[in-house]
Amino acid sequence: MIENNCNEQKKKKTFTELKEEIKQQKQKAIREANKKIKALEKKEKEQKLKPYFKLVEKYIDNISDKDLEIMMNYIETKFGKNYNEEC
């Protein structure tokens, strides 16, 4: 009986250990939330650009290089140059 009480006391975590465990769980939750947010932001940008891609696919044979360049400049100014870096 005395041995069981000693084993139970050893299994109990200290306040510091519990605090550290909670801290690690919070950090893990924050990392996962940030990953989900980044994925949603990327999906949102792709959805905004989808009409432009469809337009290019539809008229690919009729679009001149100059018109394509103008469209790319417009997209870069509207959606930011960092979009290309993310993809």
C-alpha atoms as a PDB file:
ATOM      1  CA  MET A   1       0.000   0.000   0.000  1.00  0.00           C
ATOM      2  CA  ILE A   2       2.821   2.390   0.827  1.00  0.00           C
ATOM      3  CA  GLU A   3       4.502   1.562  -2.503  1.00  0.00           C
ATOM      4  CA  ASN A   4       1.298   2.447  -4.395  1.00  0.00           C
ATOM      5  CA  ASN A   5       1.152   5.857  -2.709  1.00  0.00           C
ATOM      6  CA  CYS A   6       4.791   6.506  -3.652  1.00  0.00           C
ATOM      7  CA  ASN A   7       4.136   5.529  -7.264  1.00  0.00           C
ATOM      8  CA  GLU A   8       1.093   7.807  -7.438  1.00  0.00           C
ATOM      9  CA  GLN A   9       3.095  10.704  -6.056  1.00  0.00           C
ATOM     10  CA  LYS A  10       5.814  10.139  -8.661  1.00  0.00           C
ATOM     11  CA  LYS A  11       3.250  10.124 -11.480  1.00  0.00           C
ATOM     12  CA  LYS A  12       1.762  13.467 -10.443  1.00  0.00           C
ATOM     13  CA  LYS A  13       3.148  16.398 -12.355  1.00  0.00           C
ATOM     14  CA  THR A  14       4.383  19.521 -10.710  1.00  0.00           C
ATOM     15  CA  PHE A  15       2.809  22.895 -11.325  1.00  0.00           C
ATOM     16  CA  THR A  16       5.784  23.915 -13.456  1.00  0.00           C
ATOM     17  CA  GLU A  17       5.492  20.799 -15.616  1.00  0.00           C
ATOM     18  CA  LEU A  18       1.774  21.369 -16.123  1.00  0.00           C
ATOM     19  CA  LYS A  19       2.402  25.017 -16.951  1.00  0.00           C
ATOM     20  CA  GLU A  20       5.055  24.024 -19.527  1.00  0.00           C
ATOM     21  CA  GLU A  21       2.733  21.417 -21.040  1.00  0.00           C
ATOM     22  CA  ILE A  22      -0.030  24.002 -21.428  1.00  0.00           C
ATOM     23  CA  LYS A  23       2.437  26.430 -22.983  1.00  0.00           C
ATOM     24  CA  GLN A  24       3.511  23.794 -25.531  1.00  0.00           C
ATOM     25  CA  GLN A  25      -0.115  22.987 -26.366  1.00  0.00           C
ATOM     26  CA  LYS A  26      -0.836  26.691 -26.933  1.00  0.00           C
ATOM     27  CA  GLN A  27       2.188  27.048 -29.195  1.00  0.00           C
ATOM     28  CA  LYS A  28       1.136  23.988 -31.175  1.00  0.00           C
ATOM     29  CA  ALA A  29      -2.405  25.350 -31.551  1.00  0.00           C
ATOM     30  CA  ILE A  30      -1.048  28.720 -32.709  1.00  0.00           C
ATOM     31  CA  ARG A  31       1.221  27.069 -35.302  1.00  0.00           C
ATOM     32  CA  GLU A  32      -1.659  24.975 -36.651  1.00  0.00           C
ATOM     33  CA  ALA A  33      -3.953  28.015 -36.776  1.00  0.00           C
ATOM     34  CA  ASN A  34      -1.308  30.015 -38.653  1.00  0.00           C
ATOM     35  CA  LYS A  35      -0.934  27.195 -41.190  1.00  0.00           C
ATOM     36  CA  LYS A  36      -4.697  27.129 -41.734  1.00  0.00           C
ATOM     37  CA  ILE A  37      -4.828  30.915 -42.089  1.00  0.00           C
ATOM     38  CA  LYS A  38      -2.041  30.884 -44.683  1.00  0.00           C
ATOM     39  CA  ALA A  39      -3.818  28.124 -46.616  1.00  0.00           C
ATOM     40  CA  LEU A  40      -7.065  30.109 -46.567  1.00  0.00           C
ATOM     41  CA  GLU A  41      -5.303  33.288 -47.694  1.00  0.00           C
ATOM     42  CA  LYS A  42      -3.682  31.423 -50.560  1.00  0.00           C
ATOM     43  CA  LYS A  43      -7.021  29.896 -51.541  1.00  0.00           C
ATOM     44  CA  GLU A  44      -8.643  33.339 -51.401  1.00  0.00           C
ATOM     45  CA  LYS A  45      -5.999  34.812 -53.721  1.00  0.00           C
ATOM     46  CA  GLU A  46      -6.401  31.901 -56.129  1.00  0.00           C
ATOM     47  CA  GLN A  47     -10.167  32.460 -56.175  1.00  0.00           C
ATOM     48  CA  LYS A  48      -9.660  36.152 -56.949  1.00  0.00           C
ATOM     49  CA  LEU A  49      -7.299  35.304 -59.807  1.00  0.00           C
ATOM     50  CA  LYS A  50      -9.464  32.513 -61.224  1.00  0.00           C
ATOM     51  CA  PRO A  51     -11.412  34.801 -63.627  1.00  0.00           C
ATOM     52  CA  TYR A  52      -8.148  36.085 -65.093  1.00  0.00           C
ATOM     53  CA  PHE A  53      -6.861  32.564 -65.656  1.00  0.00           C
ATOM     54  CA  LYS A  54     -10.131  31.558 -67.320  1.00  0.00           C
ATOM     55  CA  LEU A  55      -9.972  34.605 -69.564  1.00  0.00           C
ATOM     56  CA  VAL A  56      -6.429  33.771 -70.636  1.00  0.00           C
ATOM     57  CA  GLU A  57      -7.337  30.110 -71.233  1.00  0.00           C
ATOM     58  CA  LYS A  58     -10.358  31.110 -73.315  1.00  0.00           C
ATOM     59  CA  TYR A  59      -8.507  33.571 -75.549  1.00  0.00           C
ATOM     60  CA  ILE A  60      -4.985  32.138 -75.388  1.00  0.00           C
ATOM     61  CA  ASP A  61      -4.632  32.007 -79.170  1.00  0.00           C
ATOM     62  CA  ASN A  62      -5.835  35.588 -79.659  1.00  0.00           C
ATOM     63  CA  ILE A  63      -3.938  37.344 -76.859  1.00  0.00           C
ATOM     64  CA  SER A  64      -0.819  39.181 -77.912  1.00  0.00           C
ATOM     65  CA  ASP A  65       2.298  39.241 -75.786  1.00  0.00           C
ATOM     66  CA  LYS A  66       1.737  42.932 -75.137  1.00  0.00           C
ATOM     67  CA  ASP A  67      -1.821  42.381 -73.916  1.00  0.00           C
ATOM     68  CA  LEU A  68      -0.636  39.520 -71.708  1.00  0.00           C
ATOM     69  CA  GLU A  69       2.069  41.735 -70.251  1.00  0.00           C
ATOM     70  CA  ILE A  70      -0.471  44.487 -69.556  1.00  0.00           C
ATOM     71  CA  MET A  71      -2.720  41.987 -67.795  1.00  0.00           C
ATOM     72  CA  MET A  72       0.177  40.657 -65.708  1.00  0.00           C
ATOM     73  CA  ASN A  73       1.150  44.189 -64.677  1.00  0.00           C
ATOM     74  CA  TYR A  74      -2.448  44.871 -63.672  1.00  0.00           C
ATOM     75  CA  ILE A  75      -2.610  41.683 -61.616  1.00  0.00           C
ATOM     76  CA  GLU A  76       0.698  42.433 -59.912  1.00  0.00           C
ATOM     77  CA  THR A  77      -0.396  45.935 -58.946  1.00  0.00           C
ATOM     78  CA  LYS A  78      -3.826  44.811 -57.796  1.00  0.00           C
ATOM     79  CA  PHE A  79      -2.856  41.665 -55.887  1.00  0.00           C
ATOM     80  CA  GLY A  80       0.740  42.460 -54.970  1.00  0.00           C
ATOM     81  CA  LYS A  81       4.020  41.110 -56.226  1.00  0.00           C
ATOM     82  CA  ASN A  82       4.377  38.770 -53.254  1.00  0.00           C
ATOM     83  CA  TYR A  83       1.718  36.466 -54.767  1.00  0.00           C
ATOM     84  CA  ASN A  84       4.324  35.040 -57.147  1.00  0.00           C
ATOM     85  CA  GLU A  85       6.672  34.403 -54.229  1.00  0.00           C
ATOM     86  CA  GLU A  86       4.026  32.372 -52.374  1.00  0.00           C
ATOM     87  CA  CYS A  87       3.248  30.091 -55.304  1.00  0.00           C
END
